Amino acid sequence: MKLIVKLLFGLVILGLLGLTGYAYLGDLSPEQRQIEQPVVLDGQ
């Protein structure tokens, strides 16, 4: 039973380290582009 808990704990730690590394080193920035859309306003 202790072996299973140790393995599970180790997998959780490795998963967290992998997620942290991907967040810092992965390209997670969104694509930016300019959008222009005309607006018609009801005037007097």
C-alpha atoms as a PDB file:
ATOM      1  CA  MET A   1       0.000   0.000   0.000  1.00  0.00           C
ATOM      2  CA  LYS A   2       2.834   2.406   0.814  1.00  0.00           C
ATOM      3  CA  LEU A   3       4.388   1.742  -2.584  1.00  0.00           C
ATOM      4  CA  ILE A   4       1.202   2.734  -4.402  1.00  0.00           C
ATOM      5  CA  VAL A   5       0.927   5.949  -2.395  1.00  0.00           C
ATOM      6  CA  LYS A   6       4.573   6.802  -3.110  1.00  0.00           C
ATOM      7  CA  LEU A   7       4.136   6.155  -6.831  1.00  0.00           C
ATOM      8  CA  LEU A   8       0.960   8.221  -6.957  1.00  0.00           C
ATOM      9  CA  PHE A   9       2.641  11.059  -5.066  1.00  0.00           C
ATOM     10  CA  GLY A  10       5.609  10.913  -7.444  1.00  0.00           C
ATOM     11  CA  LEU A  11       3.340  11.057 -10.495  1.00  0.00           C
ATOM     12  CA  VAL A  12       1.503  14.061  -9.069  1.00  0.00           C
ATOM     13  CA  ILE A  13       4.796  15.880  -8.443  1.00  0.00           C
ATOM     14  CA  LEU A  14       6.055  15.075 -11.959  1.00  0.00           C
ATOM     15  CA  GLY A  15       2.773  16.264 -13.441  1.00  0.00           C
ATOM     16  CA  LEU A  16       2.932  19.550 -11.567  1.00  0.00           C
ATOM     17  CA  LEU A  17       6.544  20.095 -12.603  1.00  0.00           C
ATOM     18  CA  GLY A  18       5.673  19.351 -16.218  1.00  0.00           C
ATOM     19  CA  LEU A  19       2.716  21.727 -16.163  1.00  0.00           C
ATOM     20  CA  THR A  20       4.831  24.466 -14.590  1.00  0.00           C
ATOM     21  CA  GLY A  21       7.573  23.980 -17.175  1.00  0.00           C
ATOM     22  CA  TYR A  22       5.091  24.110 -20.036  1.00  0.00           C
ATOM     23  CA  ALA A  23       3.509  27.278 -18.647  1.00  0.00           C
ATOM     24  CA  TYR A  24       6.883  29.033 -18.468  1.00  0.00           C
ATOM     25  CA  LEU A  25       8.496  27.664 -21.622  1.00  0.00           C
ATOM     26  CA  GLY A  26       5.509  27.004 -23.890  1.00  0.00           C
ATOM     27  CA  ASP A  27       4.185  29.606 -26.299  1.00  0.00           C
ATOM     28  CA  LEU A  28       0.909  30.483 -24.612  1.00  0.00           C
ATOM     29  CA  SER A  29       0.545  34.040 -25.921  1.00  0.00           C
ATOM     30  CA  PRO A  30      -2.634  34.704 -27.923  1.00  0.00           C
ATOM     31  CA  GLU A  31      -2.531  35.753 -31.554  1.00  0.00           C
ATOM     32  CA  GLN A  32      -3.078  39.503 -31.834  1.00  0.00           C
ATOM     33  CA  ARG A  33      -4.717  41.254 -34.749  1.00  0.00           C
ATOM     34  CA  GLN A  34      -6.437  44.574 -35.318  1.00  0.00           C
ATOM     35  CA  ILE A  35     -10.155  44.532 -36.093  1.00  0.00           C
ATOM     36  CA  GLU A  36     -11.902  47.566 -37.569  1.00  0.00           C
ATOM     37  CA  GLN A  37     -15.680  47.626 -37.768  1.00  0.00           C
ATOM     38  CA  PRO A  38     -17.753  50.673 -38.726  1.00  0.00           C
ATOM     39  CA  VAL A  39     -20.485  51.734 -36.311  1.00  0.00           C
ATOM     40  CA  VAL A  40     -23.668  53.507 -37.413  1.00  0.00           C
ATOM     41  CA  LEU A  41     -25.110  55.797 -34.728  1.00  0.00           C
ATOM     42  CA  ASP A  42     -28.665  57.099 -34.786  1.00  0.00           C
ATOM     43  CA  GLY A  43     -28.378  60.904 -34.788  1.00  0.00           C
ATOM     44  CA  GLN A  44     -30.847  63.739 -34.996  1.00  0.00           C
END
